[in-house]
Each structure stands twice: as C-alpha cells, then as structure tokens.
Amino acid sequence: MSAAPDARELAEARARIASLDAAAERHDIEIGEGKRMAWRRFGSGPPLALIHGGHGSWLHWISNIEPLSRSRTLWLPDLPGYGDSDLIDSSGIEEIVDATARSIDALIGAETPIELCGFSFGGLVASRVAAARGHVRRLVVIGTAGHGLKSRYTLEMRNWRLAREESALWSALRNNLAALMIHDPAAIDAMALEVHRACCTATRFRSKTISRAALLAPILEGVDAPVLLVWGEHDVTTDPEAAARAIAAQRPGIAWRIIPAAGHWAQYERAEQVNQLMGTVPFFPKSERRSA
C-alpha cells in the first residue's frame, strides 16, 4: 500500500477542513508585543475549551467539533507557536499558559465557569490553566503529558523535515502516526494524514522536553474541580492504567477511563466513545475504573 493518501480522499479531507474552518467564528486575541493567538468558536451552550497537543492545532479535534458543538460553545485555540498563532519569545510553558488563560478571560469573561479539555501537551496546559484561573467546572485530559512515567514506544519516529519528495513526506508522516498517535493502521486515513501534515508543518514551538518532565502531579493538587483522566488502551506514551492509578491516587475527585482499542490520539481514533464521555460521563470515585 502506498504511504500517500488516495488523491480523491485527500481532496475530500481538505474540503471538509476548509468547510469547518469557514463555519468557525474566528477570534485573534492580543497576547502582547504585537503577538496574537488564534481561537475558533463553534456551537452554543456552556463553554468548553479544547486544547490541542504538541505538533498540533485546532485540527486535533476534527472528529469532535460537530458532535460536541451541538450542546456546547466550543473554544479551540492554536496555542502560541502552533497553527495560526504567533510564536512567543519563550521556551517554557508559563507564557503559553498565561496567554491561554488571558485569552479565555477576554473571550468569555474572567469569572465565567468553563470546562477545559486538553490532549497530550495540551493536557498539561489545560491543567495549568485550571489551577491558575479557577472557575473551572471540570477538567478532562486525554493522553496527558507531564506524568513523568516511562513510555513504551516500539517504532522509531522519522524526521519528516528531511523528506525531499512528497512520497517521502507522506511515508514519514504515516510512520509517525503509527509510532505515536494511532494504534490501528486502518485508522490512518487521508484525514489523519492531512491533519498531521498541516499541524506538523505549522509547528514552531517544541514541547517534547516539557511534556516528558514530571510536572503534572503538583499542578493537579491546585485544581479545584473534578478531573477526568482519559487514555487510549494502547497509548505508547505510558502504561495508561499505571499512569491513571498513580495520578488518581493523589487526591479525591480524580476519575479515569481507558478507551479500548485506541492509541494516543484517542479522540480521533475512537471519536464516538470520547465524544460520549465528554458529553454525558458522570464522575466516579477515584477507586473506580471503567472502560468507555
């Protein structure tokens, strides 16, 4: 099988992305020194911010926007240094958190309660925002970074920047999706490849070092809201159940779910299950483990 997506399917994926982008209400928020942070708004209802992962953008939520926007006002940023947002002069997470929190306040009001959901590096950002800002109804983190536990990679990542031909680029992107993001090769479709290509080529901030550090535990101690940890069963960034048990043991109010047959990018690979969790899940005691 060719590493490149089928031309027709790729065109359809690009058309769907363009249509969804055109349907969004775009907000560019000033974050200092002429820098701006791009946000997209969808739907109506209680506010929910969806924060993407490293080498990502708002497109990490491509399979979740339409279902969740039926009952929520969705706010999707491109974090500083990603997608359509400007890169800020920092190699740390503090300025990104500050820009995100100040943007939320500007968009919905400083004391307006909000739900936060973050994926991977975005889980760490969302947790920091929840701790710093307050007024959070609940925090959901999917395949969150910052746990500091051992990974379980079996495939090596390829440097897609070295690709000199389009076929080599698609080959590297497909390999990296299989190595890190998606468990089932059949789920690496034209949309997944195009989202990954668009996100990677627009990334200017490097989050890897931050993501691997053990930063999450003390942050969650300062989050005054229910917390839901979500991992795909086959997430290679850690042993999901071990990570969930370790984090949930910190304090009451932290629940967890494992999404069967999903990898790291669970909200794409098993979108229906994650959308259901985000839309209807109650919070259970920390000692109770359930699969979605």
C-alpha atoms as a PDB file:
ATOM      1  CA  MET A   1       0.000   0.000   0.000  1.00  0.00           C
ATOM      2  CA  SER A   2       1.242   3.467  -0.879  1.00  0.00           C
ATOM      3  CA  ALA A   3       2.158   5.710   2.038  1.00  0.00           C
ATOM      4  CA  ALA A   4       0.438   8.609   0.309  1.00  0.00           C
ATOM      5  CA  PRO A   5      -3.317   9.012   0.782  1.00  0.00           C
ATOM      6  CA  ASP A   6      -5.661   8.425  -2.119  1.00  0.00           C
ATOM      7  CA  ALA A   7      -5.920  11.659  -4.127  1.00  0.00           C
ATOM      8  CA  ARG A   8      -9.698  11.768  -4.029  1.00  0.00           C
ATOM      9  CA  GLU A   9      -9.833  11.047  -0.307  1.00  0.00           C
ATOM     10  CA  LEU A  10      -7.190  13.690   0.346  1.00  0.00           C
ATOM     11  CA  ALA A  11      -9.182  16.254  -1.617  1.00  0.00           C
ATOM     12  CA  GLU A  12     -12.287  15.366   0.380  1.00  0.00           C
ATOM     13  CA  ALA A  13     -10.398  15.712   3.661  1.00  0.00           C
ATOM     14  CA  ARG A  14      -9.074  19.135   2.658  1.00  0.00           C
ATOM     15  CA  ALA A  15     -12.543  20.234   1.590  1.00  0.00           C
ATOM     16  CA  ARG A  16     -14.014  19.138   4.927  1.00  0.00           C
ATOM     17  CA  ILE A  17     -11.326  21.023   6.845  1.00  0.00           C
ATOM     18  CA  ALA A  18     -11.916  24.146   4.759  1.00  0.00           C
ATOM     19  CA  SER A  19     -15.671  23.913   5.281  1.00  0.00           C
ATOM     20  CA  LEU A  20     -15.332  23.513   9.035  1.00  0.00           C
ATOM     21  CA  ASP A  21     -12.864  26.385   9.208  1.00  0.00           C
ATOM     22  CA  ALA A  22     -15.230  28.592   7.232  1.00  0.00           C
ATOM     23  CA  ALA A  23     -18.042  27.749   9.657  1.00  0.00           C
ATOM     24  CA  ALA A  24     -15.985  28.838  12.660  1.00  0.00           C
ATOM     25  CA  GLU A  25     -16.209  32.245  14.277  1.00  0.00           C
ATOM     26  CA  ARG A  26     -12.573  33.389  14.321  1.00  0.00           C
ATOM     27  CA  HIS A  27     -11.087  35.435  17.167  1.00  0.00           C
ATOM     28  CA  ASP A  28      -7.496  36.706  17.243  1.00  0.00           C
ATOM     29  CA  ILE A  29      -6.586  37.745  20.774  1.00  0.00           C
ATOM     30  CA  GLU A  30      -3.708  40.103  21.545  1.00  0.00           C
ATOM     31  CA  ILE A  31      -1.185  38.339  23.785  1.00  0.00           C
ATOM     32  CA  GLY A  32       1.467  41.051  23.944  1.00  0.00           C
ATOM     33  CA  GLU A  33       4.059  42.836  21.798  1.00  0.00           C
ATOM     34  CA  GLY A  34       2.011  42.572  18.634  1.00  0.00           C
ATOM     35  CA  LYS A  35       1.555  38.823  19.047  1.00  0.00           C
ATOM     36  CA  ARG A  36      -1.833  37.256  18.532  1.00  0.00           C
ATOM     37  CA  MET A  37      -3.405  33.939  19.485  1.00  0.00           C
ATOM     38  CA  ALA A  38      -5.984  32.419  17.127  1.00  0.00           C
ATOM     39  CA  TRP A  39      -9.212  30.946  18.502  1.00  0.00           C
ATOM     40  CA  ARG A  40     -12.152  29.342  16.713  1.00  0.00           C
ATOM     41  CA  ARG A  41     -15.653  29.223  18.129  1.00  0.00           C
ATOM     42  CA  PHE A  42     -18.316  26.660  17.269  1.00  0.00           C
ATOM     43  CA  GLY A  43     -21.828  25.944  18.551  1.00  0.00           C
ATOM     44  CA  SER A  44     -23.753  27.270  21.523  1.00  0.00           C
ATOM     45  CA  GLY A  45     -24.250  26.325  25.141  1.00  0.00           C
ATOM     46  CA  PRO A  46     -21.933  26.127  28.166  1.00  0.00           C
ATOM     47  CA  PRO A  47     -18.330  26.962  27.195  1.00  0.00           C
ATOM     48  CA  LEU A  48     -15.816  24.185  26.622  1.00  0.00           C
ATOM     49  CA  ALA A  49     -12.216  24.848  25.565  1.00  0.00           C
ATOM     50  CA  LEU A  50     -10.438  22.090  23.629  1.00  0.00           C
ATOM     51  CA  ILE A  51      -6.660  22.457  23.770  1.00  0.00           C
ATOM     52  CA  HIS A  52      -4.559  20.561  21.232  1.00  0.00           C
ATOM     53  CA  GLY A  53      -1.343  18.637  21.731  1.00  0.00           C
ATOM     54  CA  GLY A  54       2.253  19.202  20.680  1.00  0.00           C
ATOM     55  CA  HIS A  55       2.816  19.324  16.907  1.00  0.00           C
ATOM     56  CA  GLY A  56      -0.881  20.114  16.777  1.00  0.00           C
ATOM     57  CA  SER A  57      -3.534  22.748  16.197  1.00  0.00           C
ATOM     58  CA  TRP A  58      -7.301  23.053  16.498  1.00  0.00           C
ATOM     59  CA  LEU A  59      -7.409  20.237  13.919  1.00  0.00           C
ATOM     60  CA  HIS A  60      -6.561  17.677  16.603  1.00  0.00           C
ATOM     61  CA  TRP A  61     -10.302  17.915  17.391  1.00  0.00           C
ATOM     62  CA  ILE A  62     -11.546  17.489  13.816  1.00  0.00           C
ATOM     63  CA  SER A  63     -13.726  14.476  14.745  1.00  0.00           C
ATOM     64  CA  ASN A  64     -15.159  16.040  17.892  1.00  0.00           C
ATOM     65  CA  ILE A  65     -16.199  19.540  16.877  1.00  0.00           C
ATOM     66  CA  GLU A  66     -19.532  18.833  15.235  1.00  0.00           C
ATOM     67  CA  PRO A  67     -20.892  16.384  17.859  1.00  0.00           C
ATOM     68  CA  LEU A  68     -19.778  18.438  20.880  1.00  0.00           C
ATOM     69  CA  SER A  69     -20.867  21.785  19.433  1.00  0.00           C
ATOM     70  CA  ARG A  70     -24.491  20.627  19.441  1.00  0.00           C
ATOM     71  CA  SER A  71     -24.635  21.210  23.192  1.00  0.00           C
ATOM     72  CA  ARG A  72     -21.597  23.410  23.947  1.00  0.00           C
ATOM     73  CA  THR A  73     -19.935  26.577  22.858  1.00  0.00           C
ATOM     74  CA  LEU A  74     -16.565  25.226  21.803  1.00  0.00           C
ATOM     75  CA  TRP A  75     -13.459  27.401  22.022  1.00  0.00           C
ATOM     76  CA  LEU A  76     -10.488  25.945  20.145  1.00  0.00           C
ATOM     77  CA  PRO A  77      -7.142  27.713  20.241  1.00  0.00           C
ATOM     78  CA  ASP A  78      -3.997  27.324  18.282  1.00  0.00           C
ATOM     79  CA  LEU A  79      -1.519  27.621  21.140  1.00  0.00           C
ATOM     80  CA  PRO A  80       1.280  30.179  20.684  1.00  0.00           C
ATOM     81  CA  GLY A  81       3.796  28.785  18.212  1.00  0.00           C
ATOM     82  CA  TYR A  82       1.265  26.449  16.588  1.00  0.00           C
ATOM     83  CA  GLY A  83      -1.128  26.716  13.657  1.00  0.00           C
ATOM     84  CA  ASP A  84      -2.277  30.275  13.022  1.00  0.00           C
ATOM     85  CA  SER A  85      -0.972  31.711  16.313  1.00  0.00           C
ATOM     86  CA  ASP A  86       2.207  33.724  16.683  1.00  0.00           C
ATOM     87  CA  LEU A  87       5.285  32.267  18.345  1.00  0.00           C
ATOM     88  CA  ILE A  88       6.117  33.977  21.616  1.00  0.00           C
ATOM     89  CA  ASP A  89       9.671  34.548  22.819  1.00  0.00           C
ATOM     90  CA  SER A  90       9.842  31.693  25.289  1.00  0.00           C
ATOM     91  CA  SER A  91      10.996  28.101  25.504  1.00  0.00           C
ATOM     92  CA  GLY A  92       8.830  27.375  28.563  1.00  0.00           C
ATOM     93  CA  ILE A  93       5.198  26.670  29.297  1.00  0.00           C
ATOM     94  CA  GLU A  94       4.454  29.622  31.596  1.00  0.00           C
ATOM     95  CA  GLU A  95       3.873  32.175  28.832  1.00  0.00           C
ATOM     96  CA  ILE A  96       1.693  29.737  26.888  1.00  0.00           C
ATOM     97  CA  VAL A  97      -0.452  29.126  29.962  1.00  0.00           C
ATOM     98  CA  ASP A  98      -0.703  32.842  30.671  1.00  0.00           C
ATOM     99  CA  ALA A  99      -1.678  33.642  27.073  1.00  0.00           C
ATOM    100  CA  THR A 100      -4.298  30.889  27.089  1.00  0.00           C
ATOM    101  CA  ALA A 101      -5.835  31.932  30.408  1.00  0.00           C
ATOM    102  CA  ARG A 102      -5.911  35.624  29.450  1.00  0.00           C
ATOM    103  CA  SER A 103      -7.477  34.747  26.103  1.00  0.00           C
ATOM    104  CA  ILE A 104     -10.220  32.734  27.801  1.00  0.00           C
ATOM    105  CA  ASP A 105     -10.951  35.658  30.118  1.00  0.00           C
ATOM    106  CA  ALA A 106     -11.138  38.020  27.137  1.00  0.00           C
ATOM    107  CA  LEU A 107     -13.441  35.703  25.206  1.00  0.00           C
ATOM    108  CA  ILE A 108     -15.918  34.619  27.898  1.00  0.00           C
ATOM    109  CA  GLY A 109     -15.222  36.761  30.977  1.00  0.00           C
ATOM    110  CA  ALA A 110     -12.764  36.343  33.826  1.00  0.00           C
ATOM    111  CA  GLU A 111     -15.255  34.752  36.234  1.00  0.00           C
ATOM    112  CA  THR A 112     -17.307  32.720  33.774  1.00  0.00           C
ATOM    113  CA  PRO A 113     -17.132  28.997  34.580  1.00  0.00           C
ATOM    114  CA  ILE A 114     -15.719  26.851  31.800  1.00  0.00           C
ATOM    115  CA  GLU A 115     -14.921  23.240  31.066  1.00  0.00           C
ATOM    116  CA  LEU A 116     -11.374  22.511  29.923  1.00  0.00           C
ATOM    117  CA  CYS A 117     -10.191  19.553  27.887  1.00  0.00           C
ATOM    118  CA  GLY A 118      -6.582  19.099  26.818  1.00  0.00           C
ATOM    119  CA  PHE A 119      -4.839  16.477  24.706  1.00  0.00           C
ATOM    120  CA  SER A 120      -1.236  15.366  25.313  1.00  0.00           C
ATOM    121  CA  PHE A 121       0.855  18.557  25.799  1.00  0.00           C
ATOM    122  CA  GLY A 122      -2.479  20.377  25.826  1.00  0.00           C
ATOM    123  CA  GLY A 123      -3.492  18.318  28.861  1.00  0.00           C
ATOM    124  CA  LEU A 124      -0.594  19.841  30.761  1.00  0.00           C
ATOM    125  CA  VAL A 125      -1.506  23.319  29.508  1.00  0.00           C
ATOM    126  CA  ALA A 126      -5.190  22.835  30.406  1.00  0.00           C
ATOM    127  CA  SER A 127      -4.241  21.638  33.893  1.00  0.00           C
ATOM    128  CA  ARG A 128      -2.042  24.679  34.457  1.00  0.00           C
ATOM    129  CA  VAL A 129      -4.808  26.984  33.207  1.00  0.00           C
ATOM    130  CA  ALA A 130      -7.342  25.293  35.505  1.00  0.00           C
ATOM    131  CA  ALA A 131      -5.055  25.710  38.514  1.00  0.00           C
ATOM    132  CA  ALA A 132      -4.161  29.326  37.724  1.00  0.00           C
ATOM    133  CA  ARG A 133      -7.517  30.659  36.556  1.00  0.00           C
ATOM    134  CA  GLY A 134     -10.067  28.760  38.621  1.00  0.00           C
ATOM    135  CA  HIS A 135     -13.755  28.960  37.671  1.00  0.00           C
ATOM    136  CA  VAL A 136     -13.493  25.529  36.030  1.00  0.00           C
ATOM    137  CA  ARG A 137     -16.490  23.194  36.053  1.00  0.00           C
ATOM    138  CA  ARG A 138     -14.342  20.169  35.201  1.00  0.00           C
ATOM    139  CA  LEU A 139     -11.011  19.298  33.664  1.00  0.00           C
ATOM    140  CA  VAL A 140     -10.616  16.445  31.180  1.00  0.00           C
ATOM    141  CA  VAL A 141      -7.171  15.412  29.966  1.00  0.00           C
ATOM    142  CA  ILE A 142      -6.662  12.893  27.161  1.00  0.00           C
ATOM    143  CA  GLY A 143      -3.315  11.104  26.941  1.00  0.00           C
ATOM    144  CA  THR A 144      -1.906  13.914  29.037  1.00  0.00           C
ATOM    145  CA  ALA A 145       1.762  14.822  29.113  1.00  0.00           C
ATOM    146  CA  GLY A 146       3.635  15.695  32.281  1.00  0.00           C
ATOM    147  CA  HIS A 147       3.224  12.429  34.181  1.00  0.00           C
ATOM    148  CA  GLY A 148       6.948  11.659  34.043  1.00  0.00           C
ATOM    149  CA  LEU A 149       6.418   7.913  33.644  1.00  0.00           C
ATOM    150  CA  LYS A 150       8.163   5.569  31.237  1.00  0.00           C
ATOM    151  CA  SER A 151       6.957   5.383  27.642  1.00  0.00           C
ATOM    152  CA  ARG A 152       6.526   2.174  25.658  1.00  0.00           C
ATOM    153  CA  TYR A 153       7.375   3.064  22.067  1.00  0.00           C
ATOM    154  CA  THR A 154       8.004   0.168  19.680  1.00  0.00           C
ATOM    155  CA  LEU A 155       8.540   2.120  16.415  1.00  0.00           C
ATOM    156  CA  GLU A 156      11.073   4.854  15.767  1.00  0.00           C
ATOM    157  CA  MET A 157       9.918   8.283  14.659  1.00  0.00           C
ATOM    158  CA  ARG A 158      11.188   9.645  11.321  1.00  0.00           C
ATOM    159  CA  ASN A 159      12.262  13.213  10.643  1.00  0.00           C
ATOM    160  CA  TRP A 160       9.714  14.347   8.076  1.00  0.00           C
ATOM    161  CA  ARG A 161      11.662  17.599   7.597  1.00  0.00           C
ATOM    162  CA  LEU A 162      14.330  15.644   5.723  1.00  0.00           C
ATOM    163  CA  ALA A 163      11.865  14.500   3.057  1.00  0.00           C
ATOM    164  CA  ARG A 164      12.813  15.785  -0.386  1.00  0.00           C
ATOM    165  CA  GLU A 165       9.885  14.272  -2.234  1.00  0.00           C
ATOM    166  CA  GLU A 166       6.181  14.236  -1.474  1.00  0.00           C
ATOM    167  CA  SER A 167       6.122  10.441  -1.284  1.00  0.00           C
ATOM    168  CA  ALA A 168       8.861  10.509   1.360  1.00  0.00           C
ATOM    169  CA  LEU A 169       6.959  13.116   3.351  1.00  0.00           C
ATOM    170  CA  TRP A 170       3.772  11.036   3.395  1.00  0.00           C
ATOM    171  CA  SER A 171       5.803   7.952   4.307  1.00  0.00           C
ATOM    172  CA  ALA A 172       7.368   9.709   7.297  1.00  0.00           C
ATOM    173  CA  LEU A 173       4.041  11.120   8.447  1.00  0.00           C
ATOM    174  CA  ARG A 174       2.326   7.734   8.183  1.00  0.00           C
ATOM    175  CA  ASN A 175       5.169   6.107  10.118  1.00  0.00           C
ATOM    176  CA  ASN A 176       4.982   8.716  12.868  1.00  0.00           C
ATOM    177  CA  LEU A 177       1.221   8.420  13.211  1.00  0.00           C
ATOM    178  CA  ALA A 178       1.677   4.665  13.668  1.00  0.00           C
ATOM    179  CA  ALA A 179       4.603   5.124  16.051  1.00  0.00           C
ATOM    180  CA  LEU A 180       2.927   7.632  18.349  1.00  0.00           C
ATOM    181  CA  MET A 181      -0.630   8.619  17.608  1.00  0.00           C
ATOM    182  CA  ILE A 182      -2.842   5.843  16.205  1.00  0.00           C
ATOM    183  CA  HIS A 183      -2.963   2.159  17.169  1.00  0.00           C
ATOM    184  CA  ASP A 184      -4.923   0.653  14.262  1.00  0.00           C
ATOM    185  CA  PRO A 185      -3.167   1.151  10.886  1.00  0.00           C
ATOM    186  CA  ALA A 186      -6.569   1.150   9.192  1.00  0.00           C
ATOM    187  CA  ALA A 187      -7.435   4.336  11.111  1.00  0.00           C
ATOM    188  CA  ILE A 188      -4.550   6.211   9.481  1.00  0.00           C
ATOM    189  CA  ASP A 189      -6.763   7.582   6.756  1.00  0.00           C
ATOM    190  CA  ALA A 190      -6.486  10.611   4.475  1.00  0.00           C
ATOM    191  CA  MET A 191      -7.893  12.927   7.134  1.00  0.00           C
ATOM    192  CA  ALA A 192      -5.438  11.768   9.786  1.00  0.00           C
ATOM    193  CA  LEU A 193      -2.537  12.216   7.379  1.00  0.00           C
ATOM    194  CA  GLU A 194      -3.646  15.658   6.229  1.00  0.00           C
ATOM    195  CA  VAL A 195      -4.265  16.877   9.781  1.00  0.00           C
ATOM    196  CA  HIS A 196      -0.859  15.588  10.849  1.00  0.00           C
ATOM    197  CA  ARG A 197       0.829  17.210   7.848  1.00  0.00           C
ATOM    198  CA  ALA A 198      -0.860  20.570   8.413  1.00  0.00           C
ATOM    199  CA  CYS A 199      -0.127  20.543  12.137  1.00  0.00           C
ATOM    200  CA  CYS A 200       3.497  19.455  11.885  1.00  0.00           C
ATOM    201  CA  THR A 201       4.455  21.907   9.169  1.00  0.00           C
ATOM    202  CA  ALA A 202       2.945  24.824  11.135  1.00  0.00           C
ATOM    203  CA  THR A 203       4.592  23.935  14.471  1.00  0.00           C
ATOM    204  CA  ARG A 204       7.283  26.342  15.707  1.00  0.00           C
ATOM    205  CA  PHE A 205       7.244  25.601  19.451  1.00  0.00           C
ATOM    206  CA  ARG A 206       8.982  22.473  20.716  1.00  0.00           C
ATOM    207  CA  SER A 207       7.125  20.865  23.610  1.00  0.00           C
ATOM    208  CA  LYS A 208       8.894  17.488  23.909  1.00  0.00           C
ATOM    209  CA  THR A 209      11.175  18.336  26.833  1.00  0.00           C
ATOM    210  CA  ILE A 210       8.311  19.919  28.783  1.00  0.00           C
ATOM    211  CA  SER A 211       5.969  17.025  28.045  1.00  0.00           C
ATOM    212  CA  ARG A 212       8.407  14.428  29.370  1.00  0.00           C
ATOM    213  CA  ALA A 213       9.015  16.171  32.695  1.00  0.00           C
ATOM    214  CA  ALA A 214       7.110  15.123  35.832  1.00  0.00           C
ATOM    215  CA  LEU A 215       5.125  18.353  36.154  1.00  0.00           C
ATOM    216  CA  LEU A 216       1.517  17.201  36.378  1.00  0.00           C
ATOM    217  CA  ALA A 217       1.165  15.951  39.969  1.00  0.00           C
ATOM    218  CA  PRO A 218       1.707  19.266  41.794  1.00  0.00           C
ATOM    219  CA  ILE A 219      -0.409  21.096  39.240  1.00  0.00           C
ATOM    220  CA  LEU A 220      -3.440  18.870  39.815  1.00  0.00           C
ATOM    221  CA  GLU A 221      -3.144  19.466  43.548  1.00  0.00           C
ATOM    222  CA  GLY A 222      -4.090  23.073  42.794  1.00  0.00           C
ATOM    223  CA  VAL A 223      -7.073  22.297  40.536  1.00  0.00           C
ATOM    224  CA  ASP A 224     -10.302  22.932  42.425  1.00  0.00           C
ATOM    225  CA  ALA A 225     -12.543  20.962  40.063  1.00  0.00           C
ATOM    226  CA  PRO A 226     -13.389  17.353  39.185  1.00  0.00           C
ATOM    227  CA  VAL A 227     -10.722  15.816  36.952  1.00  0.00           C
ATOM    228  CA  LEU A 228     -11.185  13.056  34.391  1.00  0.00           C
ATOM    229  CA  LEU A 229      -8.121  11.260  33.010  1.00  0.00           C
ATOM    230  CA  VAL A 230      -8.617   9.552  29.637  1.00  0.00           C
ATOM    231  CA  TRP A 231      -6.151   7.288  27.883  1.00  0.00           C
ATOM    232  CA  GLY A 232      -6.338   5.055  24.851  1.00  0.00           C
ATOM    233  CA  GLU A 233      -5.732   1.431  25.779  1.00  0.00           C
ATOM    234  CA  HIS A 234      -2.666   1.273  23.522  1.00  0.00           C
ATOM    235  CA  ASP A 235      -1.234   4.729  24.190  1.00  0.00           C
ATOM    236  CA  VAL A 236       2.542   4.370  23.785  1.00  0.00           C
ATOM    237  CA  THR A 237       3.428   7.472  25.804  1.00  0.00           C
ATOM    238  CA  THR A 238       2.978   5.463  29.027  1.00  0.00           C
ATOM    239  CA  ASP A 239       1.223   2.467  30.542  1.00  0.00           C
ATOM    240  CA  PRO A 240      -2.266   4.027  30.704  1.00  0.00           C
ATOM    241  CA  GLU A 241      -3.653   2.087  33.660  1.00  0.00           C
ATOM    242  CA  ALA A 242      -0.497   2.510  35.738  1.00  0.00           C
ATOM    243  CA  ALA A 243      -0.432   6.235  34.982  1.00  0.00           C
ATOM    244  CA  ALA A 244      -4.127   6.656  35.743  1.00  0.00           C
ATOM    245  CA  ARG A 245      -3.869   4.820  39.062  1.00  0.00           C
ATOM    246  CA  ALA A 246      -0.814   6.800  40.126  1.00  0.00           C
ATOM    247  CA  ILE A 247      -2.370  10.166  39.314  1.00  0.00           C
ATOM    248  CA  ALA A 248      -5.826   9.340  40.681  1.00  0.00           C
ATOM    249  CA  ALA A 249      -4.277   8.273  43.979  1.00  0.00           C
ATOM    250  CA  GLN A 250      -3.157  11.847  44.614  1.00  0.00           C
ATOM    251  CA  ARG A 251      -6.465  13.161  45.878  1.00  0.00           C
ATOM    252  CA  PRO A 252     -10.240  12.664  45.755  1.00  0.00           C
ATOM    253  CA  GLY A 253     -12.052  13.955  42.724  1.00  0.00           C
ATOM    254  CA  ILE A 254      -9.823  12.396  40.055  1.00  0.00           C
ATOM    255  CA  ALA A 255     -11.534   9.733  37.937  1.00  0.00           C
ATOM    256  CA  TRP A 256     -10.200   7.838  34.931  1.00  0.00           C
ATOM    257  CA  ARG A 257     -11.263   5.960  31.826  1.00  0.00           C
ATOM    258  CA  ILE A 258      -9.473   3.729  29.345  1.00  0.00           C
ATOM    259  CA  ILE A 259     -10.707   3.838  25.734  1.00  0.00           C
ATOM    260  CA  PRO A 260     -10.475   0.297  24.297  1.00  0.00           C
ATOM    261  CA  ALA A 261      -8.651  -0.260  21.001  1.00  0.00           C
ATOM    262  CA  ALA A 262      -7.323   3.320  20.880  1.00  0.00           C
ATOM    263  CA  GLY A 263      -3.858   4.790  20.751  1.00  0.00           C
ATOM    264  CA  HIS A 264      -2.611   8.181  21.928  1.00  0.00           C
ATOM    265  CA  TRP A 265      -4.905  10.269  19.674  1.00  0.00           C
ATOM    266  CA  ALA A 266      -7.971   8.619  21.171  1.00  0.00           C
ATOM    267  CA  GLN A 267     -10.377  11.437  20.334  1.00  0.00           C
ATOM    268  CA  TYR A 268      -9.687  10.790  16.648  1.00  0.00           C
ATOM    269  CA  GLU A 269      -9.276   7.030  16.529  1.00  0.00           C
ATOM    270  CA  ARG A 270     -12.291   6.360  18.774  1.00  0.00           C
ATOM    271  CA  ALA A 271     -14.144   9.640  18.405  1.00  0.00           C
ATOM    272  CA  GLU A 272     -17.600   8.292  19.233  1.00  0.00           C
ATOM    273  CA  GLN A 273     -16.509   6.938  22.604  1.00  0.00           C
ATOM    274  CA  VAL A 274     -14.628  10.105  23.544  1.00  0.00           C
ATOM    275  CA  ASN A 275     -17.483  12.345  22.418  1.00  0.00           C
ATOM    276  CA  GLN A 276     -19.849  10.328  24.589  1.00  0.00           C
ATOM    277  CA  LEU A 277     -17.529  10.695  27.573  1.00  0.00           C
ATOM    278  CA  MET A 278     -17.255  14.420  27.058  1.00  0.00           C
ATOM    279  CA  GLY A 279     -20.967  14.811  26.647  1.00  0.00           C
ATOM    280  CA  THR A 280     -22.500  12.592  29.305  1.00  0.00           C
ATOM    281  CA  VAL A 281     -19.982  10.996  31.671  1.00  0.00           C
ATOM    282  CA  PRO A 282     -20.602  11.393  35.409  1.00  0.00           C
ATOM    283  CA  PHE A 283     -17.625  11.484  37.748  1.00  0.00           C
ATOM    284  CA  PHE A 284     -16.970   8.350  39.760  1.00  0.00           C
ATOM    285  CA  PRO A 285     -14.876   7.857  42.903  1.00  0.00           C
ATOM    286  CA  LYS A 286     -11.153   7.667  42.288  1.00  0.00           C
ATOM    287  CA  SER A 287     -11.076   3.957  43.126  1.00  0.00           C
ATOM    288  CA  GLU A 288     -13.485   3.003  40.371  1.00  0.00           C
ATOM    289  CA  ARG A 289     -12.064   2.122  36.975  1.00  0.00           C
ATOM    290  CA  ARG A 290     -14.230   1.845  33.886  1.00  0.00           C
ATOM    291  CA  SER A 291     -13.599   1.382  30.211  1.00  0.00           C
ATOM    292  CA  ALA A 292     -15.541   3.543  27.802  1.00  0.00           C
END
